Amino acid sequence: MNSSRSPYRSAAPWLAIAPALLLLVFFVWPLAGIVARGASGAAFATLFANPAIAPVLWFTVWQALASTLLTLVVALPVTHILARYHFAGRRLLLALVSTAFVLPTVVVGAAFLALLPPAWHRTVWAIIAAHVYFNSAVVVRVVGSRWEQLHPHMADAARTLGASPLRILRTITLPLLRSALGAAGAVVFLFSFTSYGVVRVLGGPARSTIETEIYLRAVQLDDLGGATALSVLQLVGLGLLLWWWLRSAAARQSPPGTIFTQVRRPRSAAAFAAVYGIGTLAAAGVLAPLLAMLLRSLRVGGTLNTTGWRAAFTPGLQSVLPAPFAAVLTSLQFALATSVCATLLGLAAASAIAYGSRRLVLFEAFVMLPLAASAVTLGLGMLITFDEAPLDLRGAWIIMPLAHSLIALPLVVRMLLPVVRAVPQGAREAAAVLGAAPWQVWFSIDRPLVARAALAAAAFAFAVSLGEFGASSFLTRRTTETLPVAISRLLARPGDLVQAQGYVLATLLVLLTVSAIAAVDGLRPDRLAI
């Protein structure tokens, strides 16, 4: 959109004020506090003098590398059949694989805790398996979109000349997919490197990454100096990864002249067997952990019953712990507040960027800053910043929705910005010619077209808040415990009934998250007529 013709250009700077204040006060200030505390030479000297730190750093890196490599190996066959073949159940399989990615990480950890044998609990293999489950959708989406564009004539010609399928894959397909594989691998590594919920549930004290070590030192060991130094170290690492990502963005573009988006049905018996065999295994792999989690919620005392569900929903039935269902109500309240806050601020930010001059391009980068820090670092920063005057918010209810809104804000802006920019300028000009004031133009032209995207963004922010675990681990209180925190606490305690309640809450969180994401999908602009 040409902002010089926009009737709202004068309003753009005002629209940017509220999102900018939120970021300055609740993101930049806390992170500056972490850097001020942890960036000193003494803090780093003390940190690295601790013999327990080096194994944590090494484990964080190598498990992320192992998770990345194994995710690529496991996801490529699924990517192949989804990108190259049209078959019954293709859309359902793609939806199942995508669902695994949108699940909260604490749910994925709980699902694998229920699925894997006890000998695998608290092992690195459990963590890597959960990472593969969670991140396979990244490979399917990123690599699959490129694989669909490869014309099959090269592989057909090589096959005619006698090349085996393995040789075709090695000499033709993989070289053409190199840039997409690198992009997907970088994203998977980043997610595995900053994994918190999966490691917290499946790893235990002996399998600690930087993320869980920050929590351990800040909350349990009362070592804020070590926690802030680790946070600074992680910020530097994430900054370098994002810098490399931006530098290599051009190399990840699809080469020209290779576009081909027509998928075909399996022609031979071998292809038919491979497609449906891989598809069946992939669907079973997605559903098995979730079904195991559901069954575990129904197993107390060695038999299937509803004792765990009744205990979770009945206050006072389990006297050792507060009623777990209270966490459901708390999370719903936080998620509703987050969806309203993040959507209003995201709409204001997206409008400021779309309506304003080119100078506001810096504001667009500023709004994306929360993507460069982990939720654990954000939670620690807010914990140490807002524990005294002038803003003592540690016990305030509002601090949790504010943290969740910061995490959701960049994603909401990314959802809304293309829609705001796509509003026809000609329709605005016609309304203005008829005598409508700028606010009347927006209300009659922009609002109906943006409202659907705003509802989808609100549902997405709702889902983000429901599953947020990193910042919530620092900011939660026993009276305001969220679902992911309650799940982690219950699963860490012994006893069939207590753990069954944890699986009950994890099952409810799956249902709530999938419902919110389904609402997002149903509200997409291409699903609704204008």
Protein backbone atom coordinates (compact mmCIF):
# COMPACT_ATOMS: atom_id res chain seq x y z
CA MET A 1 0.00 0.00 0.00
CA ASN A 2 1.28 3.49 -0.80
CA SER A 3 1.32 5.12 2.61
CA SER A 4 1.56 8.61 1.13
CA ARG A 5 -2.04 8.27 -0.03
CA SER A 6 -3.31 6.69 3.15
CA PRO A 7 -5.97 8.72 4.98
CA TYR A 8 -4.57 7.34 8.24
CA ARG A 9 -0.94 8.38 7.85
CA SER A 10 -1.15 11.04 10.55
CA ALA A 11 -2.53 8.46 12.98
CA ALA A 12 0.28 5.94 12.43
CA PRO A 13 2.72 7.35 15.04
CA TRP A 14 -0.05 7.41 17.65
CA LEU A 15 -0.96 3.81 16.91
CA ALA A 16 2.64 2.78 17.54
CA ILE A 17 2.78 4.28 21.06
CA ALA A 18 1.01 1.54 23.04
CA PRO A 19 2.90 -1.44 21.49
CA ALA A 20 6.18 0.45 21.82
CA LEU A 21 5.53 1.19 25.51
CA LEU A 22 4.68 -2.46 26.20
CA LEU A 23 7.94 -3.59 24.60
CA LEU A 24 10.07 -0.91 26.27
CA VAL A 25 8.72 -1.49 29.77
CA PHE A 26 8.12 -5.24 29.81
CA PHE A 27 10.71 -6.54 27.34
CA VAL A 28 13.64 -4.15 26.86
CA TRP A 29 13.81 -3.10 30.52
CA PRO A 30 13.83 -6.68 31.91
CA LEU A 31 16.39 -7.84 29.35
CA ALA A 32 18.56 -4.82 30.09
CA GLY A 33 18.36 -5.80 33.76
CA ILE A 34 19.57 -9.31 32.90
CA VAL A 35 22.47 -7.95 30.87
CA ALA A 36 23.40 -5.50 33.63
CA ARG A 37 23.48 -8.30 36.20
CA GLY A 38 24.99 -11.08 34.13
CA ALA A 39 27.33 -9.49 31.61
CA SER A 40 30.10 -8.65 34.07
CA GLY A 41 33.41 -10.46 33.97
CA ALA A 42 32.97 -11.59 37.57
CA ALA A 43 29.60 -13.21 36.80
CA PHE A 44 31.03 -15.14 33.86
CA ALA A 45 34.15 -16.11 35.82
CA THR A 46 32.00 -17.49 38.63
CA LEU A 47 29.76 -19.27 36.15
CA PHE A 48 32.53 -21.03 34.24
CA ALA A 49 34.41 -21.87 37.43
CA ASN A 50 31.47 -24.10 38.31
CA PRO A 51 32.31 -27.62 37.03
CA ALA A 52 28.61 -28.38 36.47
CA ILE A 53 28.20 -25.73 33.74
CA ALA A 54 30.37 -27.21 30.98
CA PRO A 55 28.34 -30.46 30.81
CA VAL A 56 25.12 -28.41 30.61
CA LEU A 57 26.45 -26.35 27.69
CA TRP A 58 27.73 -29.44 25.88
CA PHE A 59 24.50 -31.36 26.43
CA THR A 60 22.44 -28.42 25.14
CA VAL A 61 24.41 -28.30 21.89
CA TRP A 62 24.80 -32.00 21.13
CA GLN A 63 21.22 -32.98 21.92
CA ALA A 64 20.06 -30.16 19.61
CA LEU A 65 22.35 -31.44 16.84
CA ALA A 66 21.20 -35.03 17.36
CA SER A 67 17.55 -33.95 17.42
CA THR A 68 18.03 -32.00 14.19
CA LEU A 69 19.71 -34.84 12.29
CA LEU A 70 17.21 -37.45 13.47
CA THR A 71 14.25 -35.16 12.69
CA LEU A 72 15.49 -34.74 9.10
CA VAL A 73 15.93 -38.50 8.70
CA VAL A 74 12.51 -39.37 10.14
CA ALA A 75 10.56 -36.56 8.47
CA LEU A 76 11.94 -36.85 4.92
CA PRO A 77 9.95 -39.98 3.94
CA VAL A 78 6.72 -38.33 5.15
CA THR A 79 7.70 -35.14 3.35
CA HIS A 80 8.31 -37.11 0.17
CA ILE A 81 4.88 -38.73 0.00
CA LEU A 82 3.08 -35.51 0.93
CA ALA A 83 5.02 -33.46 -1.63
CA ARG A 84 4.96 -35.88 -4.57
CA TYR A 85 1.78 -37.96 -4.30
CA HIS A 86 -1.95 -37.45 -4.15
CA PHE A 87 -3.61 -40.19 -2.09
CA ALA A 88 -6.63 -40.78 0.11
CA GLY A 89 -6.07 -39.25 3.54
CA ARG A 90 -3.31 -36.87 2.38
CA ARG A 91 -4.91 -33.77 3.92
CA LEU A 92 -5.66 -35.65 7.13
CA LEU A 93 -2.05 -36.81 7.43
CA LEU A 94 -0.79 -33.27 6.86
CA ALA A 95 -3.19 -32.00 9.53
CA LEU A 96 -2.01 -34.67 11.99
CA VAL A 97 1.66 -33.86 11.45
CA SER A 98 0.93 -30.14 11.84
CA THR A 99 -1.07 -30.77 15.01
CA ALA A 100 1.99 -32.30 16.70
CA PHE A 101 3.85 -29.02 16.14
CA VAL A 102 1.20 -26.75 17.65
CA LEU A 103 0.88 -28.78 20.83
CA PRO A 104 2.43 -27.18 23.95
CA THR A 105 5.86 -28.65 24.65
CA VAL A 106 4.84 -29.69 28.15
CA VAL A 107 2.06 -31.79 26.60
CA VAL A 108 4.53 -33.43 24.23
CA GLY A 109 6.74 -34.24 27.22
CA ALA A 110 3.78 -35.69 29.13
CA ALA A 111 2.70 -37.75 26.12
CA PHE A 112 6.11 -39.34 25.74
CA LEU A 113 6.32 -39.90 29.48
CA ALA A 114 3.12 -41.93 29.14
CA LEU A 115 4.22 -43.72 25.96
CA LEU A 116 7.81 -44.71 26.70
CA PRO A 117 8.77 -47.52 29.09
CA PRO A 118 10.04 -46.43 32.52
CA ALA A 119 13.62 -47.35 31.55
CA TRP A 120 13.54 -44.53 28.98
CA HIS A 121 12.28 -41.90 31.39
CA ARG A 122 14.78 -39.16 32.27
CA THR A 123 17.06 -40.15 29.38
CA VAL A 124 18.42 -38.18 26.45
CA TRP A 125 16.70 -40.58 24.04
CA ALA A 126 13.30 -39.62 25.42
CA ILE A 127 14.14 -35.94 24.89
CA ILE A 128 15.35 -36.51 21.33
CA ALA A 129 12.29 -38.63 20.49
CA ALA A 130 9.99 -35.86 21.71
CA HIS A 131 11.94 -33.27 19.71
CA VAL A 132 11.58 -35.38 16.56
CA TYR A 133 7.85 -35.67 17.18
CA PHE A 134 7.44 -31.94 17.76
CA ASN A 135 9.69 -30.67 14.95
CA SER A 136 8.86 -33.03 12.08
CA ALA A 137 6.18 -30.61 10.88
CA VAL A 138 8.90 -27.99 10.28
CA VAL A 139 10.64 -30.29 7.80
CA VAL A 140 7.35 -31.29 6.18
CA ARG A 141 6.31 -27.67 5.66
CA VAL A 142 9.66 -26.10 4.71
CA VAL A 143 11.18 -28.91 2.65
CA GLY A 144 7.83 -30.09 1.30
CA SER A 145 7.02 -26.71 -0.25
CA ARG A 146 10.33 -26.86 -2.18
CA TRP A 147 9.99 -30.55 -3.06
CA GLU A 148 6.60 -29.89 -4.66
CA GLN A 149 8.31 -27.46 -7.05
CA LEU A 150 10.83 -29.99 -8.41
CA HIS A 151 9.81 -31.24 -11.84
CA PRO A 152 9.83 -35.06 -11.90
CA HIS A 153 11.32 -35.30 -15.41
CA MET A 154 14.89 -35.41 -14.06
CA ALA A 155 14.16 -38.34 -11.77
CA ASP A 156 12.15 -40.06 -14.54
CA ALA A 157 15.05 -39.68 -16.97
CA ALA A 158 17.54 -41.03 -14.44
CA ARG A 159 15.25 -43.97 -13.70
CA THR A 160 15.00 -44.72 -17.43
CA LEU A 161 18.82 -44.84 -17.57
CA GLY A 162 18.87 -47.44 -14.82
CA ALA A 163 19.52 -45.30 -11.72
CA SER A 164 18.26 -46.79 -8.46
CA PRO A 165 15.89 -44.78 -6.21
CA LEU A 166 18.70 -44.32 -3.68
CA ARG A 167 21.05 -42.93 -6.32
CA ILE A 168 18.35 -40.59 -7.64
CA LEU A 169 17.80 -39.32 -4.10
CA ARG A 170 21.54 -38.84 -3.50
CA THR A 171 22.54 -37.28 -6.82
CA ILE A 172 19.44 -35.36 -7.93
CA THR A 173 16.84 -34.77 -5.22
CA LEU A 174 18.96 -33.93 -2.18
CA PRO A 175 21.23 -31.43 -4.01
CA LEU A 176 18.14 -29.57 -5.25
CA LEU A 177 16.70 -29.58 -1.72
CA ARG A 178 19.92 -28.47 -0.03
CA SER A 179 18.81 -24.91 0.73
CA ALA A 180 15.41 -26.03 2.06
CA LEU A 181 17.04 -28.73 4.18
CA GLY A 182 19.43 -26.13 5.61
CA ALA A 183 16.55 -23.80 6.44
CA ALA A 184 14.49 -26.53 8.10
CA GLY A 185 17.53 -27.84 9.97
CA ALA A 186 18.31 -24.38 11.32
CA VAL A 187 14.76 -23.96 12.65
CA VAL A 188 14.73 -27.44 14.21
CA PHE A 189 18.12 -26.80 15.85
CA LEU A 190 16.87 -23.50 17.24
CA PHE A 191 13.74 -25.11 18.71
CA SER A 192 15.74 -28.00 20.18
CA PHE A 193 18.44 -25.68 21.53
CA THR A 194 15.87 -23.57 23.38
CA SER A 195 13.62 -26.47 24.38
CA TYR A 196 12.26 -26.10 27.89
CA GLY A 197 9.00 -27.97 28.44
CA VAL A 198 10.19 -31.23 26.89
CA VAL A 199 13.49 -31.22 28.81
CA ARG A 200 11.81 -30.17 32.06
CA VAL A 201 9.31 -33.06 31.92
CA LEU A 202 11.43 -35.80 30.33
CA GLY A 203 14.97 -34.90 31.33
CA GLY A 204 14.90 -34.46 35.07
CA PRO A 205 17.79 -33.01 37.08
CA ALA A 206 20.41 -35.16 35.35
CA ARG A 207 19.53 -33.92 31.84
CA SER A 208 19.67 -30.16 32.09
CA THR A 209 19.97 -27.69 29.21
CA ILE A 210 20.67 -23.96 29.40
CA GLU A 211 16.93 -23.26 29.62
CA THR A 212 16.25 -25.62 32.51
CA GLU A 213 19.50 -24.66 34.24
CA ILE A 214 18.41 -21.01 34.25
CA TYR A 215 15.19 -22.02 35.99
CA LEU A 216 17.02 -24.31 38.43
CA ARG A 217 19.49 -21.63 39.48
CA ALA A 218 16.98 -18.79 39.68
CA VAL A 219 14.11 -20.58 41.44
CA GLN A 220 15.55 -23.55 43.32
CA LEU A 221 19.21 -22.70 44.04
CA ASP A 222 18.69 -18.96 44.58
CA ASP A 223 21.65 -18.25 42.28
CA LEU A 224 20.44 -15.21 40.35
CA GLY A 225 23.98 -14.34 39.31
CA GLY A 226 24.49 -17.69 37.60
CA ALA A 227 21.01 -17.60 36.07
CA THR A 228 21.48 -14.13 34.59
CA ALA A 229 24.95 -14.99 33.26
CA LEU A 230 23.51 -18.06 31.54
CA SER A 231 20.70 -15.91 30.13
CA VAL A 232 23.22 -13.47 28.66
CA LEU A 233 25.16 -16.38 27.16
CA GLN A 234 21.98 -17.73 25.62
CA LEU A 235 21.00 -14.31 24.26
CA VAL A 236 24.39 -14.07 22.53
CA GLY A 237 23.98 -17.56 21.09
CA LEU A 238 20.46 -16.86 19.83
CA GLY A 239 21.61 -13.54 18.37
CA LEU A 240 24.36 -15.27 16.40
CA LEU A 241 21.94 -17.92 15.15
CA LEU A 242 19.44 -15.30 14.01
CA TRP A 243 22.21 -13.26 12.35
CA TRP A 244 23.30 -16.33 10.40
CA TRP A 245 19.66 -17.01 9.52
CA LEU A 246 19.19 -13.53 8.08
CA ARG A 247 22.52 -13.63 6.22
CA SER A 248 21.61 -16.92 4.53
CA ALA A 249 18.03 -15.92 3.68
CA ALA A 250 18.89 -15.21 0.06
CA ALA A 251 20.44 -18.65 -0.36
CA ARG A 252 17.24 -20.26 0.81
CA GLN A 253 15.21 -18.87 -2.09
CA SER A 254 13.97 -21.42 -4.62
CA PRO A 255 16.04 -21.46 -7.83
CA PRO A 256 14.17 -20.12 -10.87
CA GLY A 257 12.95 -22.38 -13.60
CA THR A 258 12.16 -25.42 -11.43
CA ILE A 259 8.54 -24.74 -10.49
CA PHE A 260 6.21 -27.75 -10.71
CA THR A 261 3.34 -28.08 -8.28
CA GLN A 262 1.31 -30.98 -9.69
CA VAL A 263 1.23 -34.07 -7.48
CA ARG A 264 0.34 -37.44 -8.95
CA ARG A 265 -1.17 -40.66 -7.72
CA PRO A 266 1.04 -43.71 -6.99
CA ARG A 267 1.42 -45.62 -10.27
CA SER A 268 3.11 -48.86 -9.27
CA ALA A 269 2.35 -51.39 -6.56
CA ALA A 270 5.65 -50.53 -4.86
CA ALA A 271 4.84 -46.81 -4.83
CA PHE A 272 1.32 -47.54 -3.56
CA ALA A 273 2.69 -49.70 -0.74
CA ALA A 274 5.35 -47.13 0.16
CA VAL A 275 2.90 -44.21 0.23
CA TYR A 276 0.30 -45.91 2.38
CA GLY A 277 2.87 -47.68 4.52
CA ILE A 278 4.74 -44.46 5.35
CA GLY A 279 1.47 -42.57 5.80
CA THR A 280 0.10 -45.19 8.20
CA LEU A 281 3.30 -45.24 10.26
CA ALA A 282 3.38 -41.43 10.41
CA ALA A 283 -0.26 -41.19 11.52
CA ALA A 284 0.32 -43.88 14.15
CA GLY A 285 3.44 -42.06 15.34
CA VAL A 286 1.46 -38.85 15.87
CA LEU A 287 -1.50 -40.48 17.58
CA ALA A 288 0.28 -43.06 19.75
CA PRO A 289 1.70 -40.62 22.36
CA LEU A 290 -1.63 -38.80 22.65
CA LEU A 291 -3.59 -42.04 23.07
CA ALA A 292 -1.05 -43.27 25.63
CA MET A 293 -1.53 -40.04 27.56
CA LEU A 294 -5.31 -40.43 27.49
CA LEU A 295 -5.09 -44.05 28.68
CA ARG A 296 -2.67 -43.07 31.44
CA SER A 297 -5.19 -40.50 32.68
CA LEU A 298 -7.68 -43.36 33.03
CA ARG A 299 -5.34 -45.76 34.84
CA VAL A 300 -5.21 -45.59 38.64
CA GLY A 301 -4.36 -48.63 40.75
CA GLY A 302 -3.58 -50.80 37.72
CA THR A 303 -7.10 -50.65 36.25
CA LEU A 304 -8.92 -48.32 33.88
CA ASN A 305 -11.26 -45.99 35.76
CA THR A 306 -12.26 -42.35 36.03
CA THR A 307 -10.76 -41.71 39.48
CA GLY A 308 -8.14 -39.33 38.11
CA TRP A 309 -10.72 -37.31 36.19
CA ARG A 310 -13.03 -37.09 39.20
CA ALA A 311 -10.16 -36.03 41.46
CA ALA A 312 -9.09 -33.32 39.00
CA PHE A 313 -12.59 -31.86 38.84
CA THR A 314 -13.63 -32.28 42.48
CA PRO A 315 -12.22 -29.73 44.98
CA GLY A 316 -11.15 -31.34 48.24
CA LEU A 317 -11.13 -34.92 46.94
CA GLN A 318 -7.32 -34.87 46.82
CA SER A 319 -6.22 -33.20 50.04
CA VAL A 320 -2.47 -33.14 49.34
CA LEU A 321 -2.74 -30.66 46.46
CA PRO A 322 -5.10 -27.87 45.46
CA ALA A 323 -7.81 -28.92 43.03
CA PRO A 324 -6.00 -29.30 39.66
CA PHE A 325 -9.04 -28.06 37.75
CA ALA A 326 -8.42 -24.61 39.24
CA ALA A 327 -5.41 -24.39 36.91
CA VAL A 328 -7.75 -24.83 33.93
CA LEU A 329 -9.87 -21.84 34.98
CA THR A 330 -6.75 -19.76 35.67
CA SER A 331 -5.25 -20.57 32.27
CA LEU A 332 -8.50 -19.74 30.51
CA GLN A 333 -8.63 -16.36 32.27
CA PHE A 334 -5.02 -15.60 31.36
CA ALA A 335 -5.56 -16.76 27.77
CA LEU A 336 -8.65 -14.59 27.35
CA ALA A 337 -6.82 -11.52 28.71
CA THR A 338 -3.83 -12.32 26.48
CA SER A 339 -5.96 -12.70 23.36
CA VAL A 340 -7.57 -9.30 23.93
CA CYS A 341 -4.32 -7.53 24.82
CA ALA A 342 -2.15 -9.10 22.10
CA THR A 343 -4.78 -8.63 19.40
CA LEU A 344 -5.48 -4.96 20.17
CA LEU A 345 -1.77 -4.12 20.45
CA GLY A 346 -0.92 -6.26 17.43
CA LEU A 347 -3.62 -4.55 15.34
CA ALA A 348 -2.31 -1.15 16.44
CA ALA A 349 1.26 -2.13 15.57
CA ALA A 350 0.31 -3.66 12.21
CA SER A 351 -1.76 -0.59 11.33
CA ALA A 352 1.07 1.77 12.29
CA ILE A 353 3.48 -0.16 10.07
CA ALA A 354 1.04 -0.37 7.15
CA TYR A 355 -0.26 3.19 7.32
CA GLY A 356 2.93 5.02 8.28
CA SER A 357 5.94 6.21 6.37
CA ARG A 358 8.98 4.12 5.55
CA ARG A 359 10.68 5.36 8.69
CA LEU A 360 8.44 2.99 10.65
CA VAL A 361 10.29 0.02 9.13
CA LEU A 362 12.48 0.20 12.24
CA PHE A 363 9.36 -0.11 14.35
CA GLU A 364 8.48 -3.32 12.51
CA ALA A 365 11.87 -4.77 13.48
CA PHE A 366 11.37 -3.55 17.05
CA VAL A 367 8.03 -5.38 17.33
CA MET A 368 9.75 -8.61 16.26
CA LEU A 369 12.33 -8.43 19.06
CA PRO A 370 10.58 -10.92 21.42
CA LEU A 371 11.35 -13.63 18.86
CA ALA A 372 15.06 -13.14 19.62
CA ALA A 373 14.76 -14.11 23.30
CA SER A 374 13.47 -17.28 24.90
CA ALA A 375 10.43 -17.24 27.15
CA VAL A 376 12.60 -18.45 30.04
CA THR A 377 14.86 -15.42 29.69
CA LEU A 378 11.83 -13.14 29.50
CA GLY A 379 10.33 -14.70 32.63
CA LEU A 380 13.60 -14.34 34.56
CA GLY A 381 13.96 -10.72 33.46
CA MET A 382 10.44 -9.84 34.59
CA LEU A 383 10.99 -11.68 37.87
CA ILE A 384 14.08 -9.68 38.83
CA THR A 385 12.87 -6.36 37.38
CA PHE A 386 9.37 -6.08 38.82
CA ASP A 387 10.05 -7.16 42.39
CA GLU A 388 10.39 -3.66 43.83
CA ALA A 389 9.17 -0.10 43.37
CA PRO A 390 8.25 1.66 41.14
CA LEU A 391 6.67 -1.42 39.53
CA ASP A 392 6.27 -4.25 42.04
CA LEU A 393 4.24 -6.72 39.99
CA ARG A 394 5.51 -10.10 41.16
CA GLY A 395 2.29 -10.85 42.98
CA ALA A 396 0.00 -9.02 40.55
CA TRP A 397 -2.40 -11.02 38.38
CA ILE A 398 -1.68 -8.89 35.31
CA ILE A 399 1.99 -9.85 34.99
CA MET A 400 1.17 -13.23 33.42
CA PRO A 401 -1.05 -11.91 30.59
CA LEU A 402 1.56 -9.22 29.93
CA ALA A 403 4.31 -11.83 29.54
CA HIS A 404 2.11 -14.00 27.32
CA SER A 405 1.14 -10.96 25.23
CA LEU A 406 4.80 -10.15 24.61
CA ILE A 407 5.40 -13.69 23.37
CA ALA A 408 2.33 -13.64 21.12
CA LEU A 409 2.68 -10.05 19.84
CA PRO A 410 5.18 -10.68 16.98
CA LEU A 411 3.11 -13.61 15.73
CA VAL A 412 -0.11 -11.60 15.87
CA VAL A 413 1.50 -8.75 13.93
CA ARG A 414 2.71 -11.21 11.28
CA MET A 415 -0.84 -12.52 10.91
CA LEU A 416 -2.47 -9.09 10.69
CA LEU A 417 0.05 -7.06 8.69
CA PRO A 418 -0.57 -8.67 5.25
CA VAL A 419 -4.33 -8.29 5.72
CA VAL A 420 -4.09 -4.62 6.71
CA ARG A 421 -1.81 -3.93 3.74
CA ALA A 422 -4.18 -5.73 1.35
CA VAL A 423 -7.19 -3.47 2.04
CA PRO A 424 -7.96 -1.79 -1.34
CA GLN A 425 -6.85 1.83 -1.37
CA GLY A 426 -9.42 2.60 -4.03
CA ALA A 427 -12.27 1.74 -1.69
CA ARG A 428 -10.88 4.14 0.91
CA GLU A 429 -10.54 6.91 -1.64
CA ALA A 430 -14.11 6.38 -2.84
CA ALA A 431 -15.41 6.66 0.72
CA ALA A 432 -13.34 9.80 1.29
CA VAL A 433 -14.68 11.38 -1.94
CA LEU A 434 -18.19 10.79 -0.63
CA GLY A 435 -17.34 12.90 2.42
CA ALA A 436 -16.44 10.25 5.01
CA ALA A 437 -14.01 11.27 7.73
CA PRO A 438 -10.90 9.07 8.23
CA TRP A 439 -12.45 7.28 11.20
CA GLN A 440 -15.61 6.63 9.17
CA VAL A 441 -13.50 5.32 6.28
CA TRP A 442 -11.74 2.88 8.62
CA PHE A 443 -14.98 1.76 10.26
CA SER A 444 -16.79 1.12 6.99
CA ILE A 445 -13.91 -0.14 4.78
CA ASP A 446 -11.03 -1.52 6.86
CA ARG A 447 -12.87 -2.90 9.87
CA PRO A 448 -15.01 -5.52 8.05
CA LEU A 449 -11.99 -6.80 6.10
CA VAL A 450 -9.60 -6.89 9.07
CA ALA A 451 -12.08 -8.25 11.63
CA ARG A 452 -11.81 -11.86 10.50
CA ALA A 453 -8.03 -11.83 10.61
CA ALA A 454 -8.20 -10.17 14.03
CA LEU A 455 -10.43 -12.97 15.32
CA ALA A 456 -7.99 -15.55 13.96
CA ALA A 457 -5.09 -13.70 15.62
CA ALA A 458 -7.03 -13.61 18.91
CA ALA A 459 -7.57 -17.37 18.75
CA PHE A 460 -3.88 -17.89 18.03
CA ALA A 461 -2.84 -15.68 20.95
CA PHE A 462 -5.28 -17.66 23.10
CA ALA A 463 -3.53 -20.90 22.11
CA VAL A 464 -0.08 -19.40 22.73
CA SER A 465 -1.08 -18.33 26.24
CA LEU A 466 -2.63 -21.72 27.06
CA GLY A 467 0.59 -23.58 26.27
CA GLU A 468 3.18 -21.06 27.46
CA PHE A 469 5.47 -22.68 30.02
CA GLY A 470 8.84 -20.90 30.07
CA ALA A 471 7.91 -17.47 31.43
CA SER A 472 5.04 -18.94 33.46
CA SER A 473 7.46 -21.12 35.42
CA PHE A 474 9.01 -17.97 36.90
CA LEU A 475 5.91 -15.83 37.29
CA THR A 476 3.29 -18.30 38.50
CA ARG A 477 2.05 -18.45 42.09
CA ARG A 478 0.22 -21.27 43.80
CA THR A 479 -2.99 -19.29 43.62
CA THR A 480 -2.47 -18.47 39.91
CA GLU A 481 -0.95 -21.71 38.64
CA THR A 482 -1.34 -22.25 34.90
CA LEU A 483 -2.08 -25.54 33.17
CA PRO A 484 1.48 -26.26 31.94
CA VAL A 485 2.95 -25.49 35.37
CA ALA A 486 0.36 -27.68 37.10
CA ILE A 487 1.02 -30.53 34.65
CA SER A 488 4.76 -30.37 35.28
CA ARG A 489 4.28 -30.28 39.06
CA LEU A 490 1.84 -33.18 39.14
CA LEU A 491 3.93 -35.40 36.86
CA ALA A 492 7.02 -34.80 39.00
CA ARG A 493 5.29 -36.20 42.11
CA PRO A 494 4.98 -39.90 42.96
CA GLY A 495 1.64 -41.68 43.15
CA ASP A 496 -0.79 -43.04 40.55
CA LEU A 497 -3.60 -40.65 41.45
CA VAL A 498 -1.45 -37.51 41.40
CA GLN A 499 0.15 -38.40 38.08
CA ALA A 500 -3.20 -39.41 36.59
CA GLN A 501 -4.44 -35.89 37.34
CA GLY A 502 -1.41 -34.50 35.51
CA TYR A 503 -2.34 -36.55 32.45
CA VAL A 504 -5.94 -35.39 32.78
CA LEU A 505 -4.82 -31.76 32.60
CA ALA A 506 -2.50 -32.55 29.69
CA THR A 507 -5.40 -34.14 27.79
CA LEU A 508 -7.58 -31.10 28.46
CA LEU A 509 -4.78 -28.82 27.26
CA VAL A 510 -4.58 -30.78 24.00
CA LEU A 511 -8.32 -30.36 23.44
CA LEU A 512 -8.23 -26.63 24.22
CA THR A 513 -5.18 -25.98 22.03
CA VAL A 514 -6.48 -27.95 19.05
CA SER A 515 -9.83 -26.17 19.33
CA ALA A 516 -8.13 -22.76 19.29
CA ILE A 517 -5.95 -23.69 16.30
CA ALA A 518 -9.00 -25.07 14.47
CA ALA A 519 -10.66 -21.70 15.03
CA VAL A 520 -7.61 -19.98 13.53
CA ASP A 521 -7.76 -22.24 10.48
CA GLY A 522 -11.49 -21.68 10.06
CA LEU A 523 -11.07 -17.92 10.25
CA ARG A 524 -8.38 -17.69 7.59
CA PRO A 525 -9.24 -15.05 4.97
CA ASP A 526 -9.24 -17.63 2.16
CA ARG A 527 -11.90 -19.62 4.01
CA LEU A 528 -14.36 -16.73 4.20
CA ALA A 529 -16.00 -14.69 1.50
CA ILE A 530 -15.65 -10.94 1.56
